[in-house]
Amino acid sequence: MLRTALDDIGLAQTPFKVRIIETEETARARRFAGSPSFLVDGVDLFESGTTGGSMTCRVYSTADGLRNVPGLRDLRKALKVQAARAARV
């Protein structure tokens, strides 16, 4: 899904890493907001307000209701916003 979104917005050459959070300790240390999370340069694209970090499943509000992943359109938009912020720095 992330590869598709990056390709769709013209960032086909942008690499990304998938990190697996396997322990509560790692989740707390990284202030993990639940799975799946989408971070760019450490910024959560879908800020959840979770700050403590936890091994939880994440729920996204989409046009089709609550889902375990964001809508593709929402992911594209969030990536564009973050890319624009990065370009201003």
N, C-alpha and C. Protein backbone atom coordinates (compact mmCIF):
# COMPACT_ATOMS: atom_id res chain seq x y z
N MET A 1 0.83 -1.18 0.00
CA MET A 1 0.00 0.00 0.00
C MET A 1 0.87 1.25 0.00
N LEU A 2 1.92 1.26 0.84
CA LEU A 2 2.81 2.41 0.89
C LEU A 2 3.52 2.59 -0.44
N ARG A 3 4.00 1.49 -1.03
CA ARG A 3 4.67 1.59 -2.34
C ARG A 3 3.72 2.17 -3.37
N THR A 4 2.49 1.72 -3.38
CA THR A 4 1.49 2.24 -4.32
C THR A 4 1.28 3.73 -4.12
N ALA A 5 1.12 4.15 -2.88
CA ALA A 5 0.89 5.57 -2.59
C ALA A 5 2.09 6.42 -3.03
N LEU A 6 3.29 5.97 -2.73
CA LEU A 6 4.49 6.71 -3.14
C LEU A 6 4.57 6.79 -4.67
N ASP A 7 4.32 5.70 -5.34
CA ASP A 7 4.33 5.70 -6.80
C ASP A 7 3.29 6.66 -7.35
N ASP A 8 2.10 6.63 -6.78
CA ASP A 8 1.00 7.46 -7.26
C ASP A 8 1.27 8.95 -7.15
N ILE A 9 2.07 9.36 -6.16
CA ILE A 9 2.31 10.80 -5.99
C ILE A 9 3.66 11.23 -6.56
N GLY A 10 4.25 10.37 -7.38
CA GLY A 10 5.47 10.74 -8.06
C GLY A 10 6.75 10.49 -7.28
N LEU A 11 6.68 9.68 -6.26
CA LEU A 11 7.86 9.37 -5.45
C LEU A 11 8.26 7.90 -5.59
N ALA A 12 8.23 7.43 -6.84
CA ALA A 12 8.48 6.02 -7.11
C ALA A 12 9.88 5.57 -6.69
N GLN A 13 10.83 6.48 -6.67
CA GLN A 13 12.20 6.11 -6.32
C GLN A 13 12.48 6.22 -4.82
N THR A 14 11.49 6.62 -4.06
CA THR A 14 11.67 6.80 -2.62
C THR A 14 11.67 5.45 -1.91
N PRO A 15 12.78 5.12 -1.25
CA PRO A 15 12.83 3.85 -0.52
C PRO A 15 12.13 3.99 0.84
N PHE A 16 11.78 2.86 1.42
CA PHE A 16 11.24 2.87 2.77
C PHE A 16 11.64 1.58 3.46
N LYS A 17 11.55 1.60 4.78
CA LYS A 17 11.87 0.43 5.59
C LYS A 17 10.63 0.00 6.35
N VAL A 18 10.51 -1.29 6.49
CA VAL A 18 9.46 -1.85 7.34
C VAL A 18 10.16 -2.32 8.61
N ARG A 19 9.69 -1.82 9.72
CA ARG A 19 10.26 -2.23 11.01
C ARG A 19 9.20 -3.01 11.77
N ILE A 20 9.64 -4.11 12.33
CA ILE A 20 8.73 -4.94 13.12
C ILE A 20 9.01 -4.69 14.60
N ILE A 21 7.99 -4.28 15.30
CA ILE A 21 8.09 -4.04 16.74
C ILE A 21 7.62 -5.33 17.41
N GLU A 22 8.54 -5.99 18.11
CA GLU A 22 8.23 -7.31 18.64
C GLU A 22 8.02 -7.38 20.14
N THR A 23 8.39 -6.32 20.86
CA THR A 23 8.25 -6.37 22.32
C THR A 23 7.62 -5.10 22.84
N GLU A 24 6.99 -5.23 24.01
CA GLU A 24 6.43 -4.06 24.68
C GLU A 24 7.52 -3.03 24.97
N GLU A 25 8.70 -3.52 25.35
CA GLU A 25 9.81 -2.62 25.67
C GLU A 25 10.19 -1.77 24.45
N THR A 26 10.28 -2.40 23.30
CA THR A 26 10.59 -1.66 22.07
C THR A 26 9.47 -0.70 21.72
N ALA A 27 8.23 -1.13 21.90
CA ALA A 27 7.08 -0.27 21.62
C ALA A 27 7.12 0.98 22.49
N ARG A 28 7.41 0.80 23.78
CA ARG A 28 7.50 1.95 24.68
C ARG A 28 8.67 2.86 24.30
N ALA A 29 9.82 2.27 24.02
CA ALA A 29 11.02 3.06 23.69
C ALA A 29 10.81 3.88 22.42
N ARG A 30 10.07 3.34 21.47
CA ARG A 30 9.83 4.05 20.20
C ARG A 30 8.54 4.87 20.23
N ARG A 31 7.82 4.81 21.37
CA ARG A 31 6.52 5.48 21.47
C ARG A 31 5.61 5.06 20.32
N PHE A 32 5.60 3.75 20.10
CA PHE A 32 4.88 3.14 18.99
C PHE A 32 3.37 3.32 19.17
N ALA A 33 2.71 3.82 18.13
CA ALA A 33 1.28 4.12 18.21
C ALA A 33 0.40 2.97 17.75
N GLY A 34 0.97 1.83 17.47
CA GLY A 34 0.18 0.68 17.04
C GLY A 34 0.47 0.31 15.59
N SER A 35 0.03 -0.88 15.24
CA SER A 35 0.34 -1.42 13.92
C SER A 35 -0.91 -1.44 13.04
N PRO A 36 -0.75 -0.99 11.81
CA PRO A 36 0.46 -0.42 11.20
C PRO A 36 0.54 1.08 11.45
N SER A 37 1.76 1.56 11.53
CA SER A 37 2.01 3.00 11.64
C SER A 37 2.85 3.42 10.45
N PHE A 38 2.65 4.63 10.01
CA PHE A 38 3.38 5.18 8.87
C PHE A 38 4.13 6.41 9.36
N LEU A 39 5.46 6.29 9.42
CA LEU A 39 6.30 7.40 9.89
C LEU A 39 7.22 7.85 8.76
N VAL A 40 7.38 9.17 8.66
CA VAL A 40 8.33 9.75 7.72
C VAL A 40 9.23 10.66 8.53
N ASP A 41 10.52 10.37 8.52
CA ASP A 41 11.49 11.13 9.32
C ASP A 41 11.05 11.23 10.77
N GLY A 42 10.50 10.14 11.28
CA GLY A 42 10.07 10.08 12.68
C GLY A 42 8.72 10.70 12.96
N VAL A 43 8.07 11.25 11.95
CA VAL A 43 6.76 11.89 12.12
C VAL A 43 5.66 10.91 11.73
N ASP A 44 4.74 10.69 12.66
CA ASP A 44 3.60 9.81 12.41
C ASP A 44 2.65 10.52 11.46
N LEU A 45 2.41 9.94 10.29
CA LEU A 45 1.54 10.58 9.30
C LEU A 45 0.09 10.66 9.75
N PHE A 46 -0.28 9.85 10.70
CA PHE A 46 -1.66 9.83 11.20
C PHE A 46 -1.62 9.94 12.72
N GLU A 47 -1.21 11.07 13.21
CA GLU A 47 -1.03 11.29 14.65
C GLU A 47 -2.25 10.76 15.40
N SER A 48 -1.97 9.89 16.35
CA SER A 48 -3.06 9.24 17.08
C SER A 48 -3.24 9.78 18.49
N GLY A 49 -2.27 10.56 18.94
CA GLY A 49 -2.34 11.05 20.31
C GLY A 49 -1.72 10.08 21.30
N THR A 50 -1.38 8.87 20.85
CA THR A 50 -0.74 7.89 21.71
C THR A 50 0.71 8.29 21.91
N THR A 51 1.13 8.40 23.16
CA THR A 51 2.51 8.81 23.41
C THR A 51 3.30 7.79 24.19
N GLY A 52 2.64 6.86 24.85
CA GLY A 52 3.35 5.93 25.71
C GLY A 52 3.97 4.75 25.00
N GLY A 53 3.44 4.37 23.88
CA GLY A 53 3.93 3.22 23.15
C GLY A 53 3.29 1.94 23.64
N SER A 54 2.80 1.16 22.69
CA SER A 54 2.10 -0.06 23.07
C SER A 54 2.03 -1.01 21.88
N MET A 55 2.03 -2.29 22.19
CA MET A 55 1.86 -3.33 21.18
C MET A 55 0.36 -3.50 20.92
N THR A 56 -0.19 -2.63 20.11
CA THR A 56 -1.62 -2.68 19.83
C THR A 56 -1.85 -2.66 18.33
N CYS A 57 -3.05 -3.02 17.95
CA CYS A 57 -3.47 -2.84 16.57
C CYS A 57 -4.00 -1.42 16.44
N ARG A 58 -3.76 -0.84 15.31
CA ARG A 58 -4.19 0.54 15.09
C ARG A 58 -5.46 0.54 14.24
N VAL A 59 -6.31 1.49 14.50
CA VAL A 59 -7.56 1.62 13.76
C VAL A 59 -7.57 3.00 13.09
N TYR A 60 -7.95 3.01 11.82
CA TYR A 60 -8.00 4.25 11.05
C TYR A 60 -9.43 4.55 10.64
N SER A 61 -9.80 5.80 10.73
CA SER A 61 -11.10 6.24 10.26
C SER A 61 -10.98 6.48 8.76
N THR A 62 -11.79 5.78 7.99
CA THR A 62 -11.76 5.92 6.54
C THR A 62 -13.15 6.28 6.02
N ALA A 63 -13.23 6.56 4.74
CA ALA A 63 -14.53 6.85 4.13
C ALA A 63 -15.47 5.67 4.24
N ASP A 64 -14.91 4.47 4.40
CA ASP A 64 -15.72 3.26 4.52
C ASP A 64 -15.90 2.81 5.96
N GLY A 65 -15.57 3.67 6.91
CA GLY A 65 -15.67 3.32 8.32
C GLY A 65 -14.31 2.99 8.90
N LEU A 66 -14.30 2.42 10.09
CA LEU A 66 -13.05 2.08 10.76
C LEU A 66 -12.40 0.88 10.09
N ARG A 67 -11.09 1.00 9.84
CA ARG A 67 -10.33 -0.07 9.17
C ARG A 67 -8.97 -0.23 9.84
N ASN A 68 -8.29 -1.33 9.53
CA ASN A 68 -6.97 -1.59 10.11
C ASN A 68 -5.85 -0.93 9.32
N VAL A 69 -6.16 -0.28 8.24
CA VAL A 69 -5.20 0.52 7.46
C VAL A 69 -5.90 1.80 7.01
N PRO A 70 -5.13 2.86 6.78
CA PRO A 70 -5.77 4.08 6.27
C PRO A 70 -6.23 3.87 4.84
N GLY A 71 -7.13 4.71 4.38
CA GLY A 71 -7.52 4.68 2.98
C GLY A 71 -6.34 5.10 2.11
N LEU A 72 -6.24 4.56 0.92
CA LEU A 72 -5.14 4.90 0.03
C LEU A 72 -5.13 6.40 -0.26
N ARG A 73 -6.27 6.99 -0.46
CA ARG A 73 -6.34 8.44 -0.71
C ARG A 73 -5.81 9.21 0.49
N ASP A 74 -6.13 8.78 1.71
CA ASP A 74 -5.64 9.44 2.92
C ASP A 74 -4.13 9.30 3.06
N LEU A 75 -3.61 8.12 2.71
CA LEU A 75 -2.17 7.90 2.78
C LEU A 75 -1.45 8.79 1.77
N ARG A 76 -1.98 8.87 0.55
CA ARG A 76 -1.39 9.76 -0.46
C ARG A 76 -1.35 11.20 0.06
N LYS A 77 -2.47 11.66 0.59
CA LYS A 77 -2.56 13.03 1.09
C LYS A 77 -1.56 13.28 2.21
N ALA A 78 -1.47 12.36 3.15
CA ALA A 78 -0.55 12.51 4.28
C ALA A 78 0.90 12.54 3.79
N LEU A 79 1.23 11.72 2.81
CA LEU A 79 2.59 11.72 2.24
C LEU A 79 2.89 13.04 1.54
N LYS A 80 1.92 13.57 0.81
CA LYS A 80 2.11 14.86 0.12
C LYS A 80 2.34 15.98 1.13
N VAL A 81 1.56 15.99 2.19
CA VAL A 81 1.72 17.02 3.23
C VAL A 81 3.11 16.94 3.85
N GLN A 82 3.54 15.74 4.18
CA GLN A 82 4.85 15.57 4.80
C GLN A 82 5.97 15.93 3.83
N ALA A 83 5.83 15.59 2.55
CA ALA A 83 6.83 15.94 1.54
C ALA A 83 6.93 17.46 1.40
N ALA A 84 5.79 18.14 1.45
CA ALA A 84 5.79 19.61 1.35
C ALA A 84 6.48 20.22 2.58
N ARG A 85 6.23 19.68 3.75
CA ARG A 85 6.90 20.17 4.96
C ARG A 85 8.41 19.99 4.86
N ALA A 86 8.82 18.82 4.40
CA ALA A 86 10.25 18.52 4.27
C ALA A 86 10.92 19.45 3.26
N ALA A 87 10.20 19.80 2.21
CA ALA A 87 10.76 20.68 1.17
C ALA A 87 10.98 22.09 1.70
N ARG A 88 10.21 22.50 2.70
CA ARG A 88 10.33 23.85 3.26
C ARG A 88 11.51 23.96 4.23
N VAL A 89 12.00 22.84 4.70
CA VAL A 89 13.09 22.85 5.70
C VAL A 89 14.41 23.13 5.06
